[in-house]
């Protein structure tokens, strides 16, 4: 019923679902409609996760920012850096890095939060960067961000099909691909975008596969990204995932890690964005 309403462009009353469905829209492109079937079919992720993940995936493909529904500018609290025009742009840096370096050298801990500054790089996907920045600004303002200890092993789950432990990001990627291509081979080239699930989602599937490798530019791959970064005390749960441009995701994550290298675990983090 939901998919039919989306296809017909009928306004949807999302009442009763709380904030989980803040991304409801009356009409979506074919890719968005078909993508809705990913989580609606066969109960792959279960009815509870459906209510949480459906708007996330629809918003990803439709380009709608997520969060608390407020039109906050991700550049809130930004200030000029005074850097030379030809300086290499770094997407994440620590505004009070000197305080944390000095404290580490002295063997003490600062009594102030780490101020993480994000900045758009020209080689990034602009929409995905802005959406990521907006969410981190909001989470920091809500007091939910802090430097977390690295822990890769506990974030893995047992895969009965292989008998091995895999990361939830890989499990999520495979489930999305499987649902987007179910009912037809990847090489199938008949039908239309309205009748053939693979054709409707071909570009999304191609980018999900490309994200398994190491893309060197934006616009090539998709990664399941943690909306709240694990290194910022985010949870490794399916409702914390959203598809994001691979290059942009990995570069931001890498540079956040470098920026926080002298910050003690458990330190609160607030986020600001340079326009």
Protein backbone atom coordinates (compact mmCIF):
# COMPACT_ATOMS: atom_id res chain seq x y z
CA UNK A 1 0.00 0.00 0.00
CA UNK A 2 2.83 2.40 0.90
CA UNK A 3 4.64 1.77 -2.38
CA UNK A 4 1.45 2.38 -4.36
CA UNK A 5 0.88 5.70 -2.61
CA UNK A 6 4.45 6.74 -3.35
CA UNK A 7 4.09 5.80 -6.99
CA UNK A 8 0.77 7.66 -7.35
CA UNK A 9 2.07 10.82 -5.73
CA UNK A 10 -0.57 10.79 -3.00
CA UNK A 11 0.38 12.76 0.16
CA UNK A 12 1.11 10.37 3.01
CA UNK A 13 0.07 10.87 6.62
CA UNK A 14 3.03 9.64 8.64
CA UNK A 15 1.22 10.02 11.95
CA UNK A 16 1.72 7.30 14.50
CA UNK A 17 5.27 6.53 13.40
CA UNK A 18 6.95 9.34 15.36
CA UNK A 19 10.14 10.91 14.08
CA UNK A 20 11.19 7.73 12.29
CA UNK A 21 9.24 8.77 9.21
CA UNK A 22 10.19 12.42 8.94
CA UNK A 23 11.28 11.76 5.35
CA UNK A 24 7.82 10.84 3.96
CA UNK A 25 7.13 12.31 0.53
CA UNK A 26 4.26 12.04 -1.94
CA UNK A 27 6.26 11.23 -5.06
CA UNK A 28 9.72 9.75 -5.54
CA UNK A 29 11.68 8.86 -8.70
CA UNK A 30 11.66 5.27 -9.91
CA UNK A 31 14.90 4.51 -8.11
CA UNK A 32 13.43 5.66 -4.81
CA UNK A 33 10.21 3.70 -5.30
CA UNK A 34 12.00 0.50 -6.17
CA UNK A 35 14.43 1.01 -3.32
CA UNK A 36 11.52 1.09 -0.91
CA UNK A 37 10.93 -2.55 -1.79
CA UNK A 38 14.37 -3.38 -0.38
CA UNK A 39 13.13 -3.20 3.16
CA UNK A 40 9.44 -3.81 2.54
CA UNK A 41 9.78 -7.26 0.95
CA UNK A 42 10.16 -10.68 2.50
CA UNK A 43 10.82 -9.34 5.99
CA UNK A 44 14.59 -9.51 5.45
CA UNK A 45 15.29 -6.99 8.20
CA UNK A 46 12.06 -7.46 10.13
CA UNK A 47 9.08 -5.14 10.65
CA UNK A 48 10.70 -3.19 13.48
CA UNK A 49 13.81 -2.30 11.49
CA UNK A 50 11.61 -1.55 8.49
CA UNK A 51 10.09 1.47 10.23
CA UNK A 52 13.58 2.80 11.00
CA UNK A 53 15.52 1.92 7.87
CA UNK A 54 12.92 2.65 5.19
CA UNK A 55 13.07 6.45 5.58
CA UNK A 56 16.86 6.34 5.82
CA UNK A 57 17.21 4.53 2.49
CA UNK A 58 14.56 6.64 0.77
CA UNK A 59 16.20 9.81 2.03
CA UNK A 60 19.61 8.60 0.82
CA UNK A 61 18.47 8.10 -2.74
CA UNK A 62 16.13 11.10 -2.83
CA UNK A 63 18.84 13.38 -1.38
CA UNK A 64 16.84 14.42 1.68
CA UNK A 65 18.84 15.32 4.80
CA UNK A 66 18.07 13.39 7.96
CA UNK A 67 18.15 14.48 11.56
CA UNK A 68 15.71 16.11 13.91
CA UNK A 69 13.76 17.89 11.18
CA UNK A 70 15.14 21.36 11.92
CA UNK A 71 16.59 23.46 9.09
CA UNK A 72 19.90 24.03 10.86
CA UNK A 73 22.75 25.23 8.70
CA UNK A 74 25.68 22.77 9.10
CA UNK A 75 27.98 25.76 8.99
CA UNK A 76 26.64 27.08 12.29
CA UNK A 77 29.40 28.43 14.51
CA UNK A 78 31.94 28.45 11.67
CA UNK A 79 34.73 30.99 11.53
CA UNK A 80 37.40 31.92 8.96
CA UNK A 81 40.67 30.02 9.22
CA UNK A 82 43.06 32.60 7.83
CA UNK A 83 44.84 29.87 5.87
CA UNK A 84 46.66 30.73 2.63
CA UNK A 85 44.52 30.23 -0.47
CA UNK A 86 46.81 27.49 -1.77
CA UNK A 87 46.91 25.54 1.51
CA UNK A 88 45.88 21.89 1.28
CA UNK A 89 42.31 21.51 2.45
CA UNK A 90 41.79 19.06 5.31
CA UNK A 91 38.21 17.95 5.92
CA UNK A 92 38.61 17.52 9.69
CA UNK A 93 40.83 19.31 12.18
CA UNK A 94 40.82 20.16 15.87
CA UNK A 95 40.33 23.85 16.72
CA UNK A 96 41.91 23.41 20.17
CA UNK A 97 44.53 20.85 19.15
CA UNK A 98 47.27 22.76 20.97
CA UNK A 99 45.42 22.31 24.27
CA UNK A 100 45.26 18.54 23.84
CA UNK A 101 48.86 18.27 22.64
CA UNK A 102 50.11 20.18 25.66
CA UNK A 103 47.98 18.10 28.03
CA UNK A 104 49.27 14.86 26.53
CA UNK A 105 52.87 16.03 26.91
CA UNK A 106 52.21 16.99 30.52
CA UNK A 107 50.36 13.76 31.27
CA UNK A 108 47.13 15.60 32.13
CA UNK A 109 43.65 15.77 30.62
CA UNK A 110 41.98 19.03 29.49
CA UNK A 111 38.70 19.97 31.16
CA UNK A 112 37.16 21.21 27.93
CA UNK A 113 35.50 19.43 24.99
CA UNK A 114 37.33 18.74 21.76
CA UNK A 115 36.17 21.14 19.04
CA UNK A 116 36.14 19.22 15.77
CA UNK A 117 36.03 21.46 12.70
CA UNK A 118 34.76 20.03 9.41
CA UNK A 119 35.46 21.59 6.04
CA UNK A 120 34.24 20.70 2.56
CA UNK A 121 36.88 19.50 0.12
CA UNK A 122 36.34 20.06 -3.63
CA UNK A 123 36.89 16.35 -4.30
CA UNK A 124 33.94 15.38 -2.05
CA UNK A 125 30.33 14.73 -2.89
CA UNK A 126 28.83 18.05 -1.75
CA UNK A 127 25.39 16.70 -0.79
CA UNK A 128 26.80 13.83 1.24
CA UNK A 129 29.34 16.04 3.01
CA UNK A 130 26.69 18.61 3.97
CA UNK A 131 24.35 15.91 5.25
CA UNK A 132 27.12 14.26 7.28
CA UNK A 133 28.19 17.62 8.72
CA UNK A 134 24.61 18.55 9.59
CA UNK A 135 24.09 15.32 11.53
CA UNK A 136 27.38 15.59 13.43
CA UNK A 137 26.70 19.22 14.37
CA UNK A 138 23.29 18.17 15.71
CA UNK A 139 24.64 15.15 17.60
CA UNK A 140 27.38 17.26 19.17
CA UNK A 141 24.88 19.90 20.21
CA UNK A 142 22.80 17.15 21.84
CA UNK A 143 25.84 16.00 23.84
CA UNK A 144 25.97 12.59 22.19
CA UNK A 145 29.50 12.71 20.76
CA UNK A 146 32.65 11.67 22.57
CA UNK A 147 35.96 10.12 21.63
CA UNK A 148 35.48 6.34 21.66
CA UNK A 149 37.98 3.51 21.92
CA UNK A 150 38.67 1.64 18.67
CA UNK A 151 36.96 -1.73 18.74
CA UNK A 152 36.63 -3.57 15.45
CA UNK A 153 36.04 -7.10 16.71
CA UNK A 154 32.92 -6.48 18.79
CA UNK A 155 31.29 -4.84 15.77
CA UNK A 156 31.34 -8.11 13.82
CA UNK A 157 28.46 -10.56 13.55
CA UNK A 158 28.42 -14.28 12.81
CA UNK A 159 27.42 -15.16 9.25
CA UNK A 160 25.92 -18.70 9.17
CA UNK A 161 26.29 -18.89 5.38
CA UNK A 162 30.09 -18.65 5.59
CA UNK A 163 30.74 -19.67 9.19
CA UNK A 164 32.79 -16.50 9.64
CA UNK A 165 32.39 -13.21 11.47
CA UNK A 166 31.68 -10.21 9.24
CA UNK A 167 31.20 -6.51 9.84
CA UNK A 168 27.64 -5.24 9.90
CA UNK A 169 28.52 -2.78 7.13
CA UNK A 170 29.30 -5.69 4.79
CA UNK A 171 26.16 -7.56 5.84
CA UNK A 172 24.08 -4.43 5.23
CA UNK A 173 25.67 -3.87 1.81
CA UNK A 174 24.97 -7.46 0.72
CA UNK A 175 21.37 -7.35 1.90
CA UNK A 176 20.70 -4.15 -0.02
CA UNK A 177 22.26 -5.59 -3.18
CA UNK A 178 20.34 -8.85 -2.79
CA UNK A 179 17.01 -7.12 -2.39
CA UNK A 180 17.62 -4.67 -5.24
CA UNK A 181 18.47 -7.48 -7.66
CA UNK A 182 16.05 -10.17 -6.51
CA UNK A 183 13.92 -11.64 -9.29
CA UNK A 184 16.39 -10.98 -12.09
CA UNK A 185 20.02 -11.53 -12.97
CA UNK A 186 22.40 -8.62 -12.80
CA UNK A 187 22.92 -8.90 -16.57
CA UNK A 188 19.19 -8.71 -17.32
CA UNK A 189 18.50 -5.90 -19.80
CA UNK A 190 14.83 -6.25 -20.67
CA UNK A 191 11.83 -4.31 -19.49
CA UNK A 192 11.68 -0.73 -18.24
CA UNK A 193 12.71 1.05 -15.07
CA UNK A 194 9.11 0.73 -13.89
CA UNK A 195 8.85 -3.04 -14.43
CA UNK A 196 12.41 -4.29 -14.00
CA UNK A 197 13.84 -3.93 -10.50
CA UNK A 198 17.44 -4.21 -11.68
CA UNK A 199 17.13 -1.48 -14.28
CA UNK A 200 15.39 0.84 -11.82
CA UNK A 201 18.27 0.45 -9.37
CA UNK A 202 21.14 -0.29 -11.73
CA UNK A 203 23.23 2.74 -10.78
CA UNK A 204 22.73 2.15 -7.05
CA UNK A 205 23.76 -1.50 -7.40
CA UNK A 206 26.82 -0.59 -9.46
CA UNK A 207 27.96 1.91 -6.85
CA UNK A 208 27.38 -0.59 -4.02
CA UNK A 209 29.63 -3.10 -5.81
CA UNK A 210 32.21 -0.41 -6.59
CA UNK A 211 32.30 0.48 -2.91
CA UNK A 212 33.74 -2.96 -2.16
CA UNK A 213 36.97 -1.77 -3.70
CA UNK A 214 38.95 1.43 -3.18
CA UNK A 215 37.48 4.20 -5.31
CA UNK A 216 39.77 7.20 -5.70
CA UNK A 217 37.12 9.77 -6.53
CA UNK A 218 33.63 10.83 -5.56
CA UNK A 219 30.63 9.53 -7.48
CA UNK A 220 32.03 6.01 -7.96
CA UNK A 221 30.95 3.90 -4.96
CA UNK A 222 28.49 3.72 -2.10
CA UNK A 223 29.33 2.72 1.48
CA UNK A 224 27.01 1.94 4.37
CA UNK A 225 28.08 4.83 6.59
CA UNK A 226 27.56 5.16 10.33
CA UNK A 227 25.53 8.36 10.74
CA UNK A 228 27.13 8.76 14.17
CA UNK A 229 30.73 7.69 13.65
CA UNK A 230 31.91 4.70 15.69
CA UNK A 231 34.95 6.74 16.71
CA UNK A 232 32.50 9.33 18.07
CA UNK A 233 30.69 6.75 20.20
CA UNK A 234 28.16 5.76 17.54
CA UNK A 235 26.41 2.39 17.69
CA UNK A 236 27.07 -0.35 15.17
CA UNK A 237 23.38 -0.98 14.51
CA UNK A 238 21.39 -1.06 11.28
CA UNK A 239 19.36 2.02 12.23
CA UNK A 240 22.65 3.98 12.36
CA UNK A 241 23.45 3.19 8.71
CA UNK A 242 22.89 5.30 5.63
CA UNK A 243 24.40 4.98 2.16
CA UNK A 244 27.08 7.57 1.47
CA UNK A 245 29.57 8.29 -1.29
CA UNK A 246 32.53 5.97 -0.66
CA UNK A 247 35.37 8.42 -1.24
CA UNK A 248 33.76 11.18 0.84
CA UNK A 249 32.91 8.77 3.66
CA UNK A 250 36.36 7.22 3.96
CA UNK A 251 38.29 10.47 3.68
CA UNK A 252 36.18 12.20 6.34
CA UNK A 253 36.51 9.19 8.64
CA UNK A 254 40.28 9.02 8.13
CA UNK A 255 40.81 12.73 8.78
CA UNK A 256 38.54 12.74 11.85
CA UNK A 257 40.69 9.94 13.25
CA UNK A 258 43.86 11.96 12.66
CA UNK A 259 42.31 15.09 14.18
CA UNK A 260 41.35 13.24 17.37
CA UNK A 261 44.63 11.34 17.82
CA UNK A 262 45.67 13.34 20.93
CA UNK A 263 42.19 13.43 22.45
CA UNK A 264 41.68 11.06 25.42
CA UNK A 265 38.90 8.49 25.19
CA UNK A 266 35.65 9.68 26.72
CA UNK A 267 36.28 13.37 25.94
CA UNK A 268 33.11 15.16 24.76
CA UNK A 269 33.25 16.40 21.16
CA UNK A 270 31.40 19.30 19.58
CA UNK A 271 31.40 19.92 15.84
CA UNK A 272 31.60 23.12 13.81
CA UNK A 273 31.73 23.54 10.05
CA UNK A 274 33.70 26.01 7.96
CA UNK A 275 31.63 27.32 5.01
